């Protein structure tokens, strides 16, 4: 019996979208480093999940 795969990649992509769209990159002409820090924390996890799934599991191959 195969264990079902949980679609973590769409959840992580949604997180990245909300981080990007929900926070300004600049605030009072200053770079919002907190936004960049959070995005930098989530991105490697999304890349790792995408690599783990491989092309056949994502529907693109």
C-alpha atoms as a PDB file:
ATOM      1  CA  UNK A   1       0.000   0.000   0.000  1.00  0.00           C
ATOM      2  CA  UNK A   2       1.434   3.365  -1.058  1.00  0.00           C
ATOM      3  CA  UNK A   3       1.393   6.295   1.304  1.00  0.00           C
ATOM      4  CA  UNK A   4      -0.411   9.278  -0.269  1.00  0.00           C
ATOM      5  CA  UNK A   5       1.756  12.239  -1.150  1.00  0.00           C
ATOM      6  CA  UNK A   6       0.813  15.526   0.438  1.00  0.00           C
ATOM      7  CA  UNK A   7       1.095  18.429  -2.026  1.00  0.00           C
ATOM      8  CA  UNK A   8       3.483  20.616  -0.036  1.00  0.00           C
ATOM      9  CA  UNK A   9       4.784  22.486  -3.078  1.00  0.00           C
ATOM     10  CA  UNK A  10       1.525  24.388  -3.756  1.00  0.00           C
ATOM     11  CA  UNK A  11       1.362  25.373  -0.087  1.00  0.00           C
ATOM     12  CA  UNK A  12       4.909  26.716  -0.164  1.00  0.00           C
ATOM     13  CA  UNK A  13       4.273  28.579  -3.414  1.00  0.00           C
ATOM     14  CA  UNK A  14       1.200  30.150  -1.836  1.00  0.00           C
ATOM     15  CA  UNK A  15       3.329  31.224   1.127  1.00  0.00           C
ATOM     16  CA  UNK A  16       5.889  32.804  -1.199  1.00  0.00           C
ATOM     17  CA  UNK A  17       3.120  34.625  -3.078  1.00  0.00           C
ATOM     18  CA  UNK A  18       1.646  36.037   0.121  1.00  0.00           C
ATOM     19  CA  UNK A  19       5.089  37.081   1.356  1.00  0.00           C
ATOM     20  CA  UNK A  20       5.739  38.909  -1.915  1.00  0.00           C
ATOM     21  CA  UNK A  21       2.319  40.452  -2.500  1.00  0.00           C
ATOM     22  CA  UNK A  22       1.440  41.175   1.136  1.00  0.00           C
ATOM     23  CA  UNK A  23       4.579  43.085   2.080  1.00  0.00           C
ATOM     24  CA  UNK A  24       6.178  46.123   0.538  1.00  0.00           C
ATOM     25  CA  UNK A  25       9.752  45.740  -0.686  1.00  0.00           C
ATOM     26  CA  UNK A  26      10.504  49.341   0.286  1.00  0.00           C
ATOM     27  CA  UNK A  27       9.162  51.249   3.283  1.00  0.00           C
ATOM     28  CA  UNK A  28       9.963  54.965   3.517  1.00  0.00           C
ATOM     29  CA  UNK A  29      12.701  54.492   0.875  1.00  0.00           C
ATOM     30  CA  UNK A  30      14.317  51.754   2.986  1.00  0.00           C
ATOM     31  CA  UNK A  31      14.595  48.108   1.976  1.00  0.00           C
ATOM     32  CA  UNK A  32      12.248  45.826   3.915  1.00  0.00           C
ATOM     33  CA  UNK A  33      14.826  43.251   4.982  1.00  0.00           C
ATOM     34  CA  UNK A  34      12.283  41.326   7.041  1.00  0.00           C
ATOM     35  CA  UNK A  35      10.367  40.496   3.838  1.00  0.00           C
ATOM     36  CA  UNK A  36      13.566  39.379   2.136  1.00  0.00           C
ATOM     37  CA  UNK A  37      14.601  37.322   5.171  1.00  0.00           C
ATOM     38  CA  UNK A  38      11.255  35.500   5.324  1.00  0.00           C
ATOM     39  CA  UNK A  39      11.235  34.881   1.561  1.00  0.00           C
ATOM     40  CA  UNK A  40      14.801  33.599   1.793  1.00  0.00           C
ATOM     41  CA  UNK A  41      13.761  31.223   4.561  1.00  0.00           C
ATOM     42  CA  UNK A  42      10.799  29.727   2.636  1.00  0.00           C
ATOM     43  CA  UNK A  43      12.405  29.459  -0.822  1.00  0.00           C
ATOM     44  CA  UNK A  44      14.961  26.702  -0.052  1.00  0.00           C
ATOM     45  CA  UNK A  45      12.190  24.559   1.393  1.00  0.00           C
ATOM     46  CA  UNK A  46      10.123  24.958  -1.781  1.00  0.00           C
ATOM     47  CA  UNK A  47      13.146  24.084  -3.910  1.00  0.00           C
ATOM     48  CA  UNK A  48      13.827  21.011  -1.790  1.00  0.00           C
ATOM     49  CA  UNK A  49      10.239  19.784  -2.107  1.00  0.00           C
ATOM     50  CA  UNK A  50      10.234  20.360  -5.875  1.00  0.00           C
ATOM     51  CA  UNK A  51      13.519  18.454  -6.216  1.00  0.00           C
ATOM     52  CA  UNK A  52      12.228  15.594  -4.045  1.00  0.00           C
ATOM     53  CA  UNK A  53       9.027  15.229  -6.088  1.00  0.00           C
ATOM     54  CA  UNK A  54      10.843  15.146  -9.412  1.00  0.00           C
ATOM     55  CA  UNK A  55       9.339  15.858 -12.838  1.00  0.00           C
ATOM     56  CA  UNK A  56       7.009  12.839 -12.944  1.00  0.00           C
ATOM     57  CA  UNK A  57       5.273  13.766  -9.680  1.00  0.00           C
ATOM     58  CA  UNK A  58       4.599  17.397 -10.583  1.00  0.00           C
ATOM     59  CA  UNK A  59       2.605  16.600 -13.735  1.00  0.00           C
ATOM     60  CA  UNK A  60       5.225  18.074 -16.073  1.00  0.00           C
ATOM     61  CA  UNK A  61       6.893  14.929 -17.263  1.00  0.00           C
END
